[in-house]
Amino acid sequence: MFIVLLTYRKPLEVVDEYLSEHAIFLNECYQKNYFVVSGRKNPRTGGVIVSQLKDRNQLEDIIKQAPFYINQLADYEVIDFIPTKHHPDFSGFIASQH
């Protein structure tokens, strides 16, 4: 699994101009089962995405299609991790990792 940390590079006024495109991108990624959960950081300095993909290169290719990436609005940090403990309701996402 992967955690993707976004850190905004531009002021929120500029980021907000691309929110609808970003939402469309996220919806497409959820429909294709690329992402498990996503949301804004608090305070709003960027965002967080959790992905159940197994292939880092595939994830990085997907990120390159993101409006925030294309328009250089955010830096992306990809953290690879191996889940070892989880809530039972999360089992469906973890089972595909083994």
PDB file of N, CA and C in Angstrom:
ATOM      1  N   MET A   1       0.845  -1.179   0.000  1.00  0.00           N
ATOM      2  CA  MET A   1       0.000   0.000   0.000  1.00  0.00           C
ATOM      3  C   MET A   1       0.884   1.234   0.000  1.00  0.00           C
ATOM      4  N   PHE A   2       0.250   2.355  -0.298  1.00  0.00           N
ATOM      5  CA  PHE A   2       0.992   3.610  -0.368  1.00  0.00           C
ATOM      6  C   PHE A   2       0.199   4.733   0.291  1.00  0.00           C
ATOM      7  N   ILE A   3       0.929   5.621   0.912  1.00  0.00           N
ATOM      8  CA  ILE A   3       0.385   6.893   1.376  1.00  0.00           C
ATOM      9  C   ILE A   3       1.005   7.955   0.485  1.00  0.00           C
ATOM     10  N   VAL A   4       0.163   8.813  -0.064  1.00  0.00           N
ATOM     11  CA  VAL A   4       0.636   9.904  -0.903  1.00  0.00           C
ATOM     12  C   VAL A   4       0.348  11.198  -0.157  1.00  0.00           C
ATOM     13  N   LEU A   5       1.401  11.957   0.112  1.00  0.00           N
ATOM     14  CA  LEU A   5       1.261  13.240   0.792  1.00  0.00           C
ATOM     15  C   LEU A   5       1.429  14.358  -0.225  1.00  0.00           C
ATOM     16  N   LEU A   6       0.426  15.218  -0.310  1.00  0.00           N
ATOM     17  CA  LEU A   6       0.488  16.380  -1.187  1.00  0.00           C
ATOM     18  C   LEU A   6       0.767  17.605  -0.327  1.00  0.00           C
ATOM     19  N   THR A   7       1.671  18.443  -0.788  1.00  0.00           N
ATOM     20  CA  THR A   7       1.951  19.714  -0.136  1.00  0.00           C
ATOM     21  C   THR A   7       1.807  20.807  -1.186  1.00  0.00           C
ATOM     22  N   TYR A   8       0.894  21.736  -0.921  1.00  0.00           N
ATOM     23  CA  TYR A   8       0.637  22.794  -1.891  1.00  0.00           C
ATOM     24  C   TYR A   8       1.866  23.663  -2.103  1.00  0.00           C
ATOM     25  N   ARG A   9       2.096  24.015  -3.368  1.00  0.00           N
ATOM     26  CA  ARG A   9       3.194  24.896  -3.761  1.00  0.00           C
ATOM     27  C   ARG A   9       2.694  26.296  -4.085  1.00  0.00           C
ATOM     28  N   LYS A  10       1.384  26.411  -4.307  1.00  0.00           N
ATOM     29  CA  LYS A  10       0.761  27.675  -4.708  1.00  0.00           C
ATOM     30  C   LYS A  10      -0.241  28.103  -3.643  1.00  0.00           C
ATOM     31  N   PRO A  11      -0.633  29.378  -3.634  1.00  0.00           N
ATOM     32  CA  PRO A  11      -1.638  29.852  -2.666  1.00  0.00           C
ATOM     33  C   PRO A  11      -2.973  29.123  -2.867  1.00  0.00           C
ATOM     34  N   LEU A  12      -3.766  29.048  -1.796  1.00  0.00           N
ATOM     35  CA  LEU A  12      -5.050  28.358  -1.843  1.00  0.00           C
ATOM     36  C   LEU A  12      -5.972  28.911  -2.922  1.00  0.00           C
ATOM     37  N   GLU A  13      -5.878  30.212  -3.192  1.00  0.00           N
ATOM     38  CA  GLU A  13      -6.728  30.809  -4.229  1.00  0.00           C
ATOM     39  C   GLU A  13      -6.466  30.148  -5.581  1.00  0.00           C
ATOM     40  N   VAL A  14      -5.218  29.821  -5.855  1.00  0.00           N
ATOM     41  CA  VAL A  14      -4.854  29.163  -7.114  1.00  0.00           C
ATOM     42  C   VAL A  14      -5.278  27.703  -7.065  1.00  0.00           C
ATOM     43  N   VAL A  15      -5.025  27.030  -5.952  1.00  0.00           N
ATOM     44  CA  VAL A  15      -5.409  25.629  -5.785  1.00  0.00           C
ATOM     45  C   VAL A  15      -6.919  25.478  -5.981  1.00  0.00           C
ATOM     46  N   ASP A  16      -7.694  26.388  -5.394  1.00  0.00           N
ATOM     47  CA  ASP A  16      -9.151  26.307  -5.471  1.00  0.00           C
ATOM     48  C   ASP A  16      -9.663  26.370  -6.910  1.00  0.00           C
ATOM     49  N   GLU A  17      -8.925  27.016  -7.794  1.00  0.00           N
ATOM     50  CA  GLU A  17      -9.334  27.102  -9.197  1.00  0.00           C
ATOM     51  C   GLU A  17      -9.344  25.721  -9.867  1.00  0.00           C
ATOM     52  N   TYR A  18      -8.608  24.769  -9.307  1.00  0.00           N
ATOM     53  CA  TYR A  18      -8.479  23.434  -9.890  1.00  0.00           C
ATOM     54  C   TYR A  18      -9.202  22.351  -9.089  1.00  0.00           C
ATOM     55  N   LEU A  19      -9.963  22.747  -8.069  1.00  0.00           N
ATOM     56  CA  LEU A  19     -10.611  21.747  -7.206  1.00  0.00           C
ATOM     57  C   LEU A  19     -11.611  20.873  -7.959  1.00  0.00           C
ATOM     58  N   SER A  20     -12.380  21.441  -8.874  1.00  0.00           N
ATOM     59  CA  SER A  20     -13.355  20.616  -9.586  1.00  0.00           C
ATOM     60  C   SER A  20     -12.646  19.586 -10.474  1.00  0.00           C
ATOM     61  N   GLU A  21     -11.560  19.986 -11.141  1.00  0.00           N
ATOM     62  CA  GLU A  21     -10.773  19.029 -11.940  1.00  0.00           C
ATOM     63  C   GLU A  21     -10.171  17.950 -11.045  1.00  0.00           C
ATOM     64  N   HIS A  22      -9.689  18.373  -9.880  1.00  0.00           N
ATOM     65  CA  HIS A  22      -9.098  17.432  -8.923  1.00  0.00           C
ATOM     66  C   HIS A  22     -10.145  16.428  -8.454  1.00  0.00           C
ATOM     67  N   ALA A  23     -11.361  16.898  -8.182  1.00  0.00           N
ATOM     68  CA  ALA A  23     -12.441  16.009  -7.732  1.00  0.00           C
ATOM     69  C   ALA A  23     -12.788  14.990  -8.821  1.00  0.00           C
ATOM     70  N   ILE A  24     -12.821  15.408 -10.073  1.00  0.00           N
ATOM     71  CA  ILE A  24     -13.088  14.492 -11.183  1.00  0.00           C
ATOM     72  C   ILE A  24     -11.994  13.431 -11.257  1.00  0.00           C
ATOM     73  N   PHE A  25     -10.743  13.863 -11.146  1.00  0.00           N
ATOM     74  CA  PHE A  25      -9.608  12.935 -11.155  1.00  0.00           C
ATOM     75  C   PHE A  25      -9.743  11.907 -10.024  1.00  0.00           C
ATOM     76  N   LEU A  26     -10.038  12.377  -8.803  1.00  0.00           N
ATOM     77  CA  LEU A  26     -10.186  11.464  -7.669  1.00  0.00           C
ATOM     78  C   LEU A  26     -11.330  10.479  -7.901  1.00  0.00           C
ATOM     79  N   ASN A  27     -12.468  10.980  -8.392  1.00  0.00           N
ATOM     80  CA  ASN A  27     -13.614  10.100  -8.643  1.00  0.00           C
ATOM     81  C   ASN A  27     -13.247   8.994  -9.622  1.00  0.00           C
ATOM     82  N   GLU A  28     -12.522   9.338 -10.676  1.00  0.00           N
ATOM     83  CA  GLU A  28     -12.085   8.329 -11.651  1.00  0.00           C
ATOM     84  C   GLU A  28     -11.165   7.301 -11.002  1.00  0.00           C
ATOM     85  N   CYS A  29     -10.275   7.769 -10.133  1.00  0.00           N
ATOM     86  CA  CYS A  29      -9.351   6.851  -9.448  1.00  0.00           C
ATOM     87  C   CYS A  29     -10.090   5.924  -8.492  1.00  0.00           C
ATOM     88  N   TYR A  30     -11.127   6.431  -7.823  1.00  0.00           N
ATOM     89  CA  TYR A  30     -11.930   5.563  -6.949  1.00  0.00           C
ATOM     90  C   TYR A  30     -12.698   4.543  -7.780  1.00  0.00           C
ATOM     91  N   GLN A  31     -13.241   4.953  -8.911  1.00  0.00           N
ATOM     92  CA  GLN A  31     -13.983   4.029  -9.770  1.00  0.00           C
ATOM     93  C   GLN A  31     -13.085   2.902 -10.282  1.00  0.00           C
ATOM     94  N   LYS A  32     -11.810   3.191 -10.471  1.00  0.00           N
ATOM     95  CA  LYS A  32     -10.856   2.188 -10.955  1.00  0.00           C
ATOM     96  C   LYS A  32     -10.177   1.429  -9.812  1.00  0.00           C
ATOM     97  N   ASN A  33     -10.624   1.684  -8.575  1.00  0.00           N
ATOM     98  CA  ASN A  33     -10.090   1.017  -7.378  1.00  0.00           C
ATOM     99  C   ASN A  33      -8.612   1.294  -7.143  1.00  0.00           C
ATOM    100  N   TYR A  34      -8.180   2.503  -7.459  1.00  0.00           N
ATOM    101  CA  TYR A  34      -6.789   2.893  -7.195  1.00  0.00           C
ATOM    102  C   TYR A  34      -6.606   3.422  -5.778  1.00  0.00           C
ATOM    103  N   PHE A  35      -7.638   4.079  -5.227  1.00  0.00           N
ATOM    104  CA  PHE A  35      -7.526   4.754  -3.936  1.00  0.00           C
ATOM    105  C   PHE A  35      -8.527   4.191  -2.939  1.00  0.00           C
ATOM    106  N   VAL A  36      -8.136   4.234  -1.647  1.00  0.00           N
ATOM    107  CA  VAL A  36      -8.983   3.783  -0.553  1.00  0.00           C
ATOM    108  C   VAL A  36      -9.649   4.967   0.136  1.00  0.00           C
ATOM    109  N   VAL A  37      -8.874   6.002   0.384  1.00  0.00           N
ATOM    110  CA  VAL A  37      -9.377   7.176   1.100  1.00  0.00           C
ATOM    111  C   VAL A  37      -8.493   8.362   0.730  1.00  0.00           C
ATOM    112  N   SER A  38      -9.079   9.566   0.801  1.00  0.00           N
ATOM    113  CA  SER A  38      -8.305  10.781   0.548  1.00  0.00           C
ATOM    114  C   SER A  38      -8.951  11.931   1.288  1.00  0.00           C
ATOM    115  N   GLY A  39      -8.184  13.000   1.461  1.00  0.00           N
ATOM    116  CA  GLY A  39      -8.737  14.180   2.124  1.00  0.00           C
ATOM    117  C   GLY A  39      -7.695  15.255   2.306  1.00  0.00           C
ATOM    118  N   ARG A  40      -8.182  16.381   2.818  1.00  0.00           N
ATOM    119  CA  ARG A  40      -7.314  17.538   3.050  1.00  0.00           C
ATOM    120  C   ARG A  40      -6.530  17.391   4.342  1.00  0.00           C
ATOM    121  N   LYS A  41      -5.339  17.955   4.348  1.00  0.00           N
ATOM    122  CA  LYS A  41      -4.596  18.094   5.604  1.00  0.00           C
ATOM    123  C   LYS A  41      -5.274  19.196   6.418  1.00  0.00           C
ATOM    124  N   ASN A  42      -5.101  19.139   7.723  1.00  0.00           N
ATOM    125  CA  ASN A  42      -5.640  20.173   8.608  1.00  0.00           C
ATOM    126  C   ASN A  42      -4.522  20.653   9.515  1.00  0.00           C
ATOM    127  N   PRO A  43      -4.006  21.870   9.321  1.00  0.00           N
ATOM    128  CA  PRO A  43      -4.507  22.934   8.461  1.00  0.00           C
ATOM    129  C   PRO A  43      -4.333  22.593   6.982  1.00  0.00           C
ATOM    130  N   ARG A  44      -5.036  23.326   6.142  1.00  0.00           N
ATOM    131  CA  ARG A  44      -5.112  23.021   4.711  1.00  0.00           C
ATOM    132  C   ARG A  44      -3.830  23.439   3.975  1.00  0.00           C
ATOM    133  N   THR A  45      -2.831  22.578   4.079  1.00  0.00           N
ATOM    134  CA  THR A  45      -1.546  22.818   3.409  1.00  0.00           C
ATOM    135  C   THR A  45      -1.307  21.802   2.298  1.00  0.00           C
ATOM    136  N   GLY A  46      -2.286  20.921   2.084  1.00  0.00           N
ATOM    137  CA  GLY A  46      -2.157  19.871   1.080  1.00  0.00           C
ATOM    138  C   GLY A  46      -3.182  18.796   1.330  1.00  0.00           C
ATOM    139  N   GLY A  47      -2.843  17.567   0.953  1.00  0.00           N
ATOM    140  CA  GLY A  47      -3.780  16.472   1.109  1.00  0.00           C
ATOM    141  C   GLY A  47      -3.078  15.150   1.342  1.00  0.00           C
ATOM    142  N   VAL A  48      -3.899  14.121   1.556  1.00  0.00           N
ATOM    143  CA  VAL A  48      -3.411  12.770   1.815  1.00  0.00           C
ATOM    144  C   VAL A  48      -4.263  11.806   0.998  1.00  0.00           C
ATOM    145  N   ILE A  49      -3.608  10.848   0.360  1.00  0.00           N
ATOM    146  CA  ILE A  49      -4.294   9.789  -0.375  1.00  0.00           C
ATOM    147  C   ILE A  49      -3.706   8.460   0.091  1.00  0.00           C
ATOM    148  N   VAL A  50      -4.571   7.479   0.336  1.00  0.00           N
ATOM    149  CA  VAL A  50      -4.122   6.127   0.625  1.00  0.00           C
ATOM    150  C   VAL A  50      -4.530   5.263  -0.571  1.00  0.00           C
ATOM    151  N   SER A  51      -3.547   4.532  -1.096  1.00  0.00           N
ATOM    152  CA  SER A  51      -3.770   3.695  -2.270  1.00  0.00           C
ATOM    153  C   SER A  51      -3.441   2.242  -1.949  1.00  0.00           C
ATOM    154  N   GLN A  52      -4.286   1.342  -2.426  1.00  0.00           N
ATOM    155  CA  GLN A  52      -4.043  -0.083  -2.230  1.00  0.00           C
ATOM    156  C   GLN A  52      -3.317  -0.711  -3.407  1.00  0.00           C
ATOM    157  N   LEU A  53      -2.867   0.097  -4.354  1.00  0.00           N
ATOM    158  CA  LEU A  53      -2.121  -0.446  -5.486  1.00  0.00           C
ATOM    159  C   LEU A  53      -0.849  -1.146  -4.998  1.00  0.00           C
ATOM    160  N   LYS A  54      -0.387  -2.121  -5.763  1.00  0.00           N
ATOM    161  CA  LYS A  54       0.820  -2.857  -5.402  1.00  0.00           C
ATOM    162  C   LYS A  54       2.047  -2.343  -6.138  1.00  0.00           C
ATOM    163  N   ASP A  55       1.836  -1.641  -7.237  1.00  0.00           N
ATOM    164  CA  ASP A  55       2.919  -1.227  -8.124  1.00  0.00           C
ATOM    165  C   ASP A  55       3.170   0.275  -7.998  1.00  0.00           C
ATOM    166  N   ARG A  56       4.318   0.635  -7.439  1.00  0.00           N
ATOM    167  CA  ARG A  56       4.652   2.045  -7.243  1.00  0.00           C
ATOM    168  C   ARG A  56       4.722   2.793  -8.578  1.00  0.00           C
ATOM    169  N   ASN A  57       5.281   2.160  -9.606  1.00  0.00           N
ATOM    170  CA  ASN A  57       5.368   2.825 -10.910  1.00  0.00           C
ATOM    171  C   ASN A  57       3.986   3.146 -11.460  1.00  0.00           C
ATOM    172  N   GLN A  58       3.042   2.230 -11.283  1.00  0.00           N
ATOM    173  CA  GLN A  58       1.666   2.486 -11.725  1.00  0.00           C
ATOM    174  C   GLN A  58       1.092   3.687 -10.982  1.00  0.00           C
ATOM    175  N   LEU A  59       1.296   3.734  -9.677  1.00  0.00           N
ATOM    176  CA  LEU A  59       0.795   4.857  -8.878  1.00  0.00           C
ATOM    177  C   LEU A  59       1.432   6.161  -9.326  1.00  0.00           C
ATOM    178  N   GLU A  60       2.725   6.160  -9.551  1.00  0.00           N
ATOM    179  CA  GLU A  60       3.402   7.378  -9.982  1.00  0.00           C
ATOM    180  C   GLU A  60       2.903   7.836 -11.349  1.00  0.00           C
ATOM    181  N   ASP A  61       2.581   6.897 -12.239  1.00  0.00           N
ATOM    182  CA  ASP A  61       2.002   7.252 -13.535  1.00  0.00           C
ATOM    183  C   ASP A  61       0.621   7.878 -13.368  1.00  0.00           C
ATOM    184  N   ILE A  62      -0.159   7.364 -12.426  1.00  0.00           N
ATOM    185  CA  ILE A  62      -1.485   7.915 -12.150  1.00  0.00           C
ATOM    186  C   ILE A  62      -1.350   9.329 -11.593  1.00  0.00           C
ATOM    187  N   ILE A  63      -0.420   9.524 -10.660  1.00  0.00           N
ATOM    188  CA  ILE A  63      -0.207  10.847 -10.071  1.00  0.00           C
ATOM    189  C   ILE A  63       0.138  11.875 -11.141  1.00  0.00           C
ATOM    190  N   LYS A  64       0.902  11.467 -12.139  1.00  0.00           N
ATOM    191  CA  LYS A  64       1.302  12.387 -13.210  1.00  0.00           C
ATOM    192  C   LYS A  64       0.116  12.874 -14.034  1.00  0.00           C
ATOM    193  N   GLN A  65      -1.038  12.236 -13.876  1.00  0.00           N
ATOM    194  CA  GLN A  65      -2.257  12.658 -14.563  1.00  0.00           C
ATOM    195  C   GLN A  65      -3.108  13.595 -13.708  1.00  0.00           C
ATOM    196  N   ALA A  66      -2.714  13.791 -12.460  1.00  0.00           N
ATOM    197  CA  ALA A  66      -3.485  14.616 -11.529  1.00  0.00           C
ATOM    198  C   ALA A  66      -3.372  16.098 -11.895  1.00  0.00           C
ATOM    199  N   PRO A  67      -4.486  16.830 -11.877  1.00  0.00           N
ATOM    200  CA  PRO A  67      -4.448  18.260 -12.193  1.00  0.00           C
ATOM    201  C   PRO A  67      -3.480  19.049 -11.306  1.00  0.00           C
ATOM    202  N   PHE A  68      -3.390  18.703 -10.027  1.00  0.00           N
ATOM    203  CA  PHE A  68      -2.466  19.415  -9.144  1.00  0.00           C
ATOM    204  C   PHE A  68      -1.016  19.149  -9.541  1.00  0.00           C
ATOM    205  N   TYR A  69      -0.732  17.960 -10.063  1.00  0.00           N
ATOM    206  CA  TYR A  69       0.616  17.631 -10.520  1.00  0.00           C
ATOM    207  C   TYR A  69       0.904  18.324 -11.850  1.00  0.00           C
ATOM    208  N   ILE A  70      -0.003  18.180 -12.794  1.00  0.00           N
ATOM    209  CA  ILE A  70       0.179  18.756 -14.131  1.00  0.00           C
ATOM    210  C   ILE A  70       0.410  20.272 -14.062  1.00  0.00           C
ATOM    211  N   ASN A  71      -0.341  20.931 -13.184  1.00  0.00           N
ATOM    212  CA  ASN A  71      -0.263  22.390 -13.076  1.00  0.00           C
ATOM    213  C   ASN A  71       0.708  22.858 -11.995  1.00  0.00           C
ATOM    214  N   GLN A  72       1.516  21.937 -11.496  1.00  0.00           N
ATOM    215  CA  GLN A  72       2.562  22.231 -10.508  1.00  0.00           C
ATOM    216  C   GLN A  72       2.018  22.973  -9.282  1.00  0.00           C
ATOM    217  N   LEU A  73       0.854  22.507  -8.813  1.00  0.00           N
ATOM    218  CA  LEU A  73       0.223  23.122  -7.644  1.00  0.00           C
ATOM    219  C   LEU A  73       0.641  22.453  -6.346  1.00  0.00           C
ATOM    220  N   ALA A  74       1.143  21.203  -6.460  1.00  0.00           N
ATOM    221  CA  ALA A  74       1.498  20.460  -5.248  1.00  0.00           C
ATOM    222  C   ALA A  74       2.699  19.568  -5.508  1.00  0.00           C
ATOM    223  N   ASP A  75       3.480  19.377  -4.444  1.00  0.00           N
ATOM    224  CA  ASP A  75       4.524  18.366  -4.445  1.00  0.00           C
ATOM    225  C   ASP A  75       3.900  17.074  -3.921  1.00  0.00           C
ATOM    226  N   TYR A  76       4.338  15.952  -4.455  1.00  0.00           N
ATOM    227  CA  TYR A  76       3.804  14.646  -4.079  1.00  0.00           C
ATOM    228  C   TYR A  76       4.921  13.808  -3.473  1.00  0.00           C
ATOM    229  N   GLU A  77       4.666  13.267  -2.278  1.00  0.00           N
ATOM    230  CA  GLU A  77       5.581  12.330  -1.641  1.00  0.00           C
ATOM    231  C   GLU A  77       4.864  10.991  -1.537  1.00  0.00           C
ATOM    232  N   VAL A  78       5.458   9.935  -2.093  1.00  0.00           N
ATOM    233  CA  VAL A  78       4.859   8.608  -2.049  1.00  0.00           C
ATOM    234  C   VAL A  78       5.599   7.784  -0.996  1.00  0.00           C
ATOM    235  N   ILE A  79       4.845   7.265  -0.042  1.00  0.00           N
ATOM    236  CA  ILE A  79       5.400   6.451   1.033  1.00  0.00           C
ATOM    237  C   ILE A  79       4.869   5.033   0.868  1.00  0.00           C
ATOM    238  N   ASP A  80       5.771   4.098   0.668  1.00  0.00           N
ATOM    239  CA  ASP A  80       5.427   2.681   0.537  1.00  0.00           C
ATOM    240  C   ASP A  80       5.389   2.089   1.938  1.00  0.00           C
ATOM    241  N   PHE A  81       4.305   1.372   2.271  1.00  0.00           N
ATOM    242  CA  PHE A  81       4.278   0.716   3.574  1.00  0.00           C
ATOM    243  C   PHE A  81       3.581  -0.630   3.483  1.00  0.00           C
ATOM    244  N   ILE A  82       3.927  -1.500   4.420  1.00  0.00           N
ATOM    245  CA  ILE A  82       3.350  -2.836   4.486  1.00  0.00           C
ATOM    246  C   ILE A  82       2.458  -2.896   5.723  1.00  0.00           C
ATOM    247  N   PRO A  83       1.149  -2.963   5.533  1.00  0.00           N
ATOM    248  CA  PRO A  83       0.243  -3.018   6.679  1.00  0.00           C
ATOM    249  C   PRO A  83       0.429  -4.335   7.443  1.00  0.00           C
ATOM    250  N   THR A  84       0.626  -4.237   8.733  1.00  0.00           N
ATOM    251  CA  THR A  84       0.779  -5.440   9.549  1.00  0.00           C
ATOM    252  C   THR A  84      -0.383  -5.618  10.524  1.00  0.00           C
ATOM    253  N   LYS A  85      -1.061  -4.546  10.880  1.00  0.00           N
ATOM    254  CA  LYS A  85      -2.246  -4.614  11.742  1.00  0.00           C
ATOM    255  C   LYS A  85      -3.292  -3.701  11.131  1.00  0.00           C
ATOM    256  N   HIS A  86      -4.558  -4.097  11.292  1.00  0.00           N
ATOM    257  CA  HIS A  86      -5.640  -3.289  10.753  1.00  0.00           C
ATOM    258  C   HIS A  86      -6.962  -3.650  11.422  1.00  0.00           C
ATOM    259  N   HIS A  87      -7.902  -2.738  11.328  1.00  0.00           N
ATOM    260  CA  HIS A  87      -9.258  -2.965  11.806  1.00  0.00           C
ATOM    261  C   HIS A  87      -9.902  -4.024  10.911  1.00  0.00           C
ATOM    262  N   PRO A  88     -10.747  -4.893  11.453  1.00  0.00           N
ATOM    263  CA  PRO A  88     -11.380  -5.932  10.631  1.00  0.00           C
ATOM    264  C   PRO A  88     -12.139  -5.382   9.414  1.00  0.00           C
ATOM    265  N   ASP A  89     -12.725  -4.211   9.527  1.00  0.00           N
ATOM    266  CA  ASP A  89     -13.464  -3.630   8.399  1.00  0.00           C
ATOM    267  C   ASP A  89     -12.546  -3.256   7.240  1.00  0.00           C
ATOM    268  N   PHE A  90     -11.272  -3.212   7.485  1.00  0.00           N
ATOM    269  CA  PHE A  90     -10.288  -2.835   6.472  1.00  0.00           C
ATOM    270  C   PHE A  90      -9.735  -4.061   5.751  1.00  0.00           C
ATOM    271  N   SER A  91     -10.159  -5.249   6.141  1.00  0.00           N
ATOM    272  CA  SER A  91      -9.610  -6.503   5.627  1.00  0.00           C
ATOM    273  C   SER A  91      -9.671  -6.627   4.113  1.00  0.00           C
ATOM    274  N   GLY A  92     -10.721  -6.144   3.496  1.00  0.00           N
ATOM    275  CA  GLY A  92     -10.856  -6.251   2.055  1.00  0.00           C
ATOM    276  C   GLY A  92      -9.742  -5.568   1.294  1.00  0.00           C
ATOM    277  N   PHE A  93      -9.226  -4.499   1.844  1.00  0.00           N
ATOM    278  CA  PHE A  93      -8.122  -3.786   1.191  1.00  0.00           C
ATOM    279  C   PHE A  93      -6.784  -4.459   1.474  1.00  0.00           C
ATOM    280  N   ILE A  94      -6.643  -4.995   2.669  1.00  0.00           N
ATOM    281  CA  ILE A  94      -5.387  -5.622   3.062  1.00  0.00           C
ATOM    282  C   ILE A  94      -5.217  -6.983   2.412  1.00  0.00           C
ATOM    283  N   ALA A  95      -6.293  -7.744   2.271  1.00  0.00           N
ATOM    284  CA  ALA A  95      -6.216  -9.100   1.716  1.00  0.00           C
ATOM    285  C   ALA A  95      -5.580  -9.101   0.330  1.00  0.00           C
ATOM    286  N   SER A  96      -5.798  -8.056  -0.440  1.00  0.00           N
ATOM    287  CA  SER A  96      -5.238  -8.013  -1.799  1.00  0.00           C
ATOM    288  C   SER A  96      -3.737  -7.720  -1.786  1.00  0.00           C
ATOM    289  N   GLN A  97      -3.181  -7.435  -0.631  1.00  0.00           N
ATOM    290  CA  GLN A  97      -1.765  -7.088  -0.526  1.00  0.00           C
ATOM    291  C   GLN A  97      -0.865  -8.308  -0.326  1.00  0.00           C
ATOM    292  N   HIS A  98      -1.411  -9.416   0.130  1.00  0.00           N
ATOM    293  CA  HIS A  98      -0.593 -10.585   0.451  1.00  0.00           C
ATOM    294  C   HIS A  98      -0.376 -11.485  -0.734  1.00  0.00           C
TER     295      HIS A  98
END
